[in-house]
Protein backbone atom coordinates (compact mmCIF):
# COMPACT_ATOMS: atom_id res chain seq x y z
CA MET A 1 0.00 0.00 0.00
CA LEU A 2 1.27 3.45 -0.89
CA LYS A 3 2.01 5.82 1.97
CA GLU A 4 -0.59 8.53 2.48
CA ASN A 5 2.04 11.24 2.18
CA SER A 6 3.29 9.93 -1.18
CA SER A 7 4.34 12.74 -3.49
CA LEU A 8 3.04 10.88 -6.53
CA PRO A 9 0.31 12.56 -8.57
CA GLN A 10 -3.15 11.05 -8.13
CA LYS A 11 -3.27 9.82 -11.75
CA VAL A 12 -0.03 7.88 -11.16
CA ILE A 13 -1.33 6.42 -7.90
CA GLU A 14 -4.43 5.22 -9.74
CA LYS A 15 -2.26 3.65 -12.46
CA LEU A 16 -0.18 1.68 -9.96
CA SER A 17 -2.02 -1.58 -9.53
CA GLU A 18 -1.06 -4.40 -7.24
CA ASP A 19 1.00 -5.96 -10.02
CA SER A 20 2.59 -2.96 -11.69
CA ILE A 21 6.08 -3.12 -13.16
CA ILE A 22 8.53 -0.37 -12.24
CA LEU A 23 11.88 0.22 -13.94
CA ALA A 24 14.79 2.11 -12.44
CA PHE A 25 17.71 3.69 -14.25
CA ASP A 26 21.15 4.60 -12.91
CA TYR A 27 22.26 6.98 -15.66
CA GLY A 28 25.90 7.35 -16.65
CA LEU A 29 27.78 8.82 -19.58
CA ALA A 30 29.07 5.41 -20.74
CA ARG A 31 26.71 2.95 -19.04
CA ILE A 32 23.16 2.95 -17.75
CA GLY A 33 22.16 0.45 -15.10
CA VAL A 34 18.61 -0.86 -15.25
CA ALA A 35 16.66 -2.65 -12.53
CA ILE A 36 13.12 -3.96 -12.43
CA GLY A 37 10.64 -4.41 -9.63
CA ASN A 38 6.95 -4.82 -9.05
CA THR A 39 4.41 -3.55 -6.60
CA VAL A 40 3.32 -7.03 -5.48
CA VAL A 41 6.42 -7.86 -3.44
CA LYS A 42 7.97 -4.37 -3.54
CA ASP A 43 11.29 -5.90 -4.40
CA SER A 44 13.70 -5.41 -7.25
CA ARG A 45 16.44 -7.13 -9.19
CA PRO A 46 19.14 -6.01 -11.59
CA LEU A 47 17.95 -6.22 -15.21
CA THR A 48 20.77 -5.11 -17.51
CA ILE A 49 23.52 -2.62 -18.19
CA ILE A 50 23.27 -0.51 -21.31
CA HIS A 51 26.71 0.25 -22.75
CA TRP A 52 26.55 3.17 -25.14
CA LYS A 53 28.68 5.66 -27.02
CA LYS A 54 26.09 7.21 -29.33
CA ASN A 55 22.76 8.66 -28.32
CA GLN A 56 20.96 6.59 -30.96
CA GLU A 57 22.17 3.26 -29.58
CA LYS A 58 21.26 4.32 -26.04
CA TRP A 59 17.68 5.15 -27.02
CA LYS A 60 17.31 2.01 -29.13
CA GLN A 61 18.12 -0.16 -26.12
CA ILE A 62 15.96 1.89 -23.75
CA THR A 63 13.03 1.76 -26.19
CA GLN A 64 13.32 -2.03 -26.37
CA ILE A 65 13.32 -2.31 -22.57
CA MET A 66 10.32 0.02 -22.27
CA GLU A 67 8.40 -1.93 -24.92
CA ASP A 68 9.26 -5.30 -23.37
CA TRP A 69 8.28 -4.36 -19.81
CA LYS A 70 5.68 -1.55 -20.22
CA PRO A 71 6.33 -0.03 -16.79
CA ALA A 72 3.63 1.86 -14.91
CA LEU A 73 6.35 4.12 -13.54
CA VAL A 74 10.06 4.77 -14.03
CA VAL A 75 12.52 5.78 -11.33
CA VAL A 76 15.71 7.68 -12.19
CA GLY A 77 18.54 8.22 -9.76
CA VAL A 78 19.71 11.81 -9.51
CA PRO A 79 23.18 12.25 -8.00
CA ARG A 80 24.13 15.07 -5.65
CA HIS A 81 27.05 16.03 -3.47
CA LYS A 82 27.09 14.66 0.07
CA ASP A 83 25.56 17.89 1.36
CA GLY A 84 22.65 17.59 -1.09
CA ALA A 85 23.86 20.29 -3.46
CA PRO A 86 23.67 19.55 -7.20
CA ASN A 87 26.80 18.23 -8.88
CA SER A 88 27.77 18.18 -12.55
CA MET A 89 25.66 15.07 -13.23
CA THR A 90 22.50 16.36 -11.53
CA PRO A 91 21.20 18.33 -14.56
CA VAL A 92 22.28 15.54 -16.93
CA CYS A 93 20.22 12.98 -14.99
CA GLU A 94 17.28 15.39 -14.67
CA ASN A 95 17.39 15.85 -18.45
CA PHE A 96 17.46 12.07 -18.93
CA ALA A 97 14.42 11.71 -16.65
CA ASN A 98 12.58 14.39 -18.66
CA GLN A 99 13.45 12.61 -21.90
CA ILE A 100 12.09 9.29 -20.59
CA ASN A 101 8.87 11.06 -19.66
CA GLY A 102 8.59 12.80 -23.02
CA ARG A 103 9.50 9.83 -25.20
CA PHE A 104 7.42 7.20 -23.43
CA ASN A 105 4.66 9.21 -21.71
CA VAL A 106 5.37 7.55 -18.37
CA TYR A 107 5.69 9.26 -15.00
CA VAL A 108 9.30 9.47 -13.85
CA ALA A 109 10.06 9.62 -10.14
CA ARG A 110 13.43 10.92 -9.04
CA VAL A 111 15.47 9.38 -6.23
CA ASP A 112 18.47 10.95 -4.54
CA GLU A 113 21.18 8.49 -5.46
CA ARG A 114 24.08 9.97 -3.54
CA PHE A 115 25.10 6.65 -2.07
CA SER A 116 23.70 3.98 -4.44
CA SER A 117 27.02 3.19 -6.16
CA VAL A 118 28.94 3.36 -2.89
CA GLU A 119 26.52 0.85 -1.39
CA VAL A 120 27.29 -1.80 -4.03
CA GLU A 121 30.83 -1.14 -5.24
CA GLU A 122 32.87 -2.44 -2.33
CA GLY A 123 34.71 -5.64 -3.17
CA THR A 124 33.98 -5.78 -6.90
CA ASP A 125 35.85 -4.94 -10.07
CA ASP A 126 32.80 -5.60 -12.23
CA TYR A 127 30.35 -3.06 -13.57
CA ILE A 128 27.80 -2.32 -10.88
CA ASP A 129 25.42 0.00 -12.70
CA ASP A 130 22.52 -2.49 -12.66
CA LEU A 131 23.06 -3.12 -8.95
CA ALA A 132 23.08 0.64 -8.32
CA ALA A 133 19.76 0.87 -10.21
CA GLN A 134 18.42 -1.88 -7.92
CA VAL A 135 19.45 0.14 -4.84
CA ILE A 136 17.72 3.20 -6.31
CA LEU A 137 14.51 1.23 -6.87
CA GLU A 138 14.61 -0.30 -3.39
CA GLN A 139 15.00 3.19 -1.94
CA TRP A 140 11.97 4.34 -3.94
CA PHE A 141 9.92 1.44 -2.53
CA ARG A 142 11.01 2.30 1.04
CA GLU A 143 10.05 5.94 0.54
CA ASN A 144 6.64 5.26 -1.04
CA PHE A 145 5.19 2.01 0.33
CA ILE A 146 4.06 1.04 3.81
CA ASP A 147 4.35 -2.73 3.56
CA ASN A 148 7.80 -3.03 2.02
CA VAL A 149 9.43 -6.43 2.57
CA ASN A 150 13.01 -5.10 2.47
């Protein structure tokens, strides 16, 4: 159940059914981590990492993911400095979130992702972007649902 003080617009709340799919993106200039979750168990898992150099290939992969999963909502991590002030990637991620909304007509929630990569990067040399997206989505569930299982 959504928290009463949820900042989601009413039309989005109405769209979120008990079995809605939610995608999360951890946006980066070379890679984009993607995670998927649903509102039944309020849990998430890493989905994929999009490696890109050209804008066209990035959007081709994102379009395929959006068509395959048809999310009711998308969550985008927005990085900030430790004190909460915007950093150089803040406007880039905000722009990405706006583009997702405009291209796919889906509500995009933003999550402060200051510590998502830090939370998953210890002890690994592998790419962690999909795991960071999972952390972002889990944070969104904690902030918006009462009966979260995490």
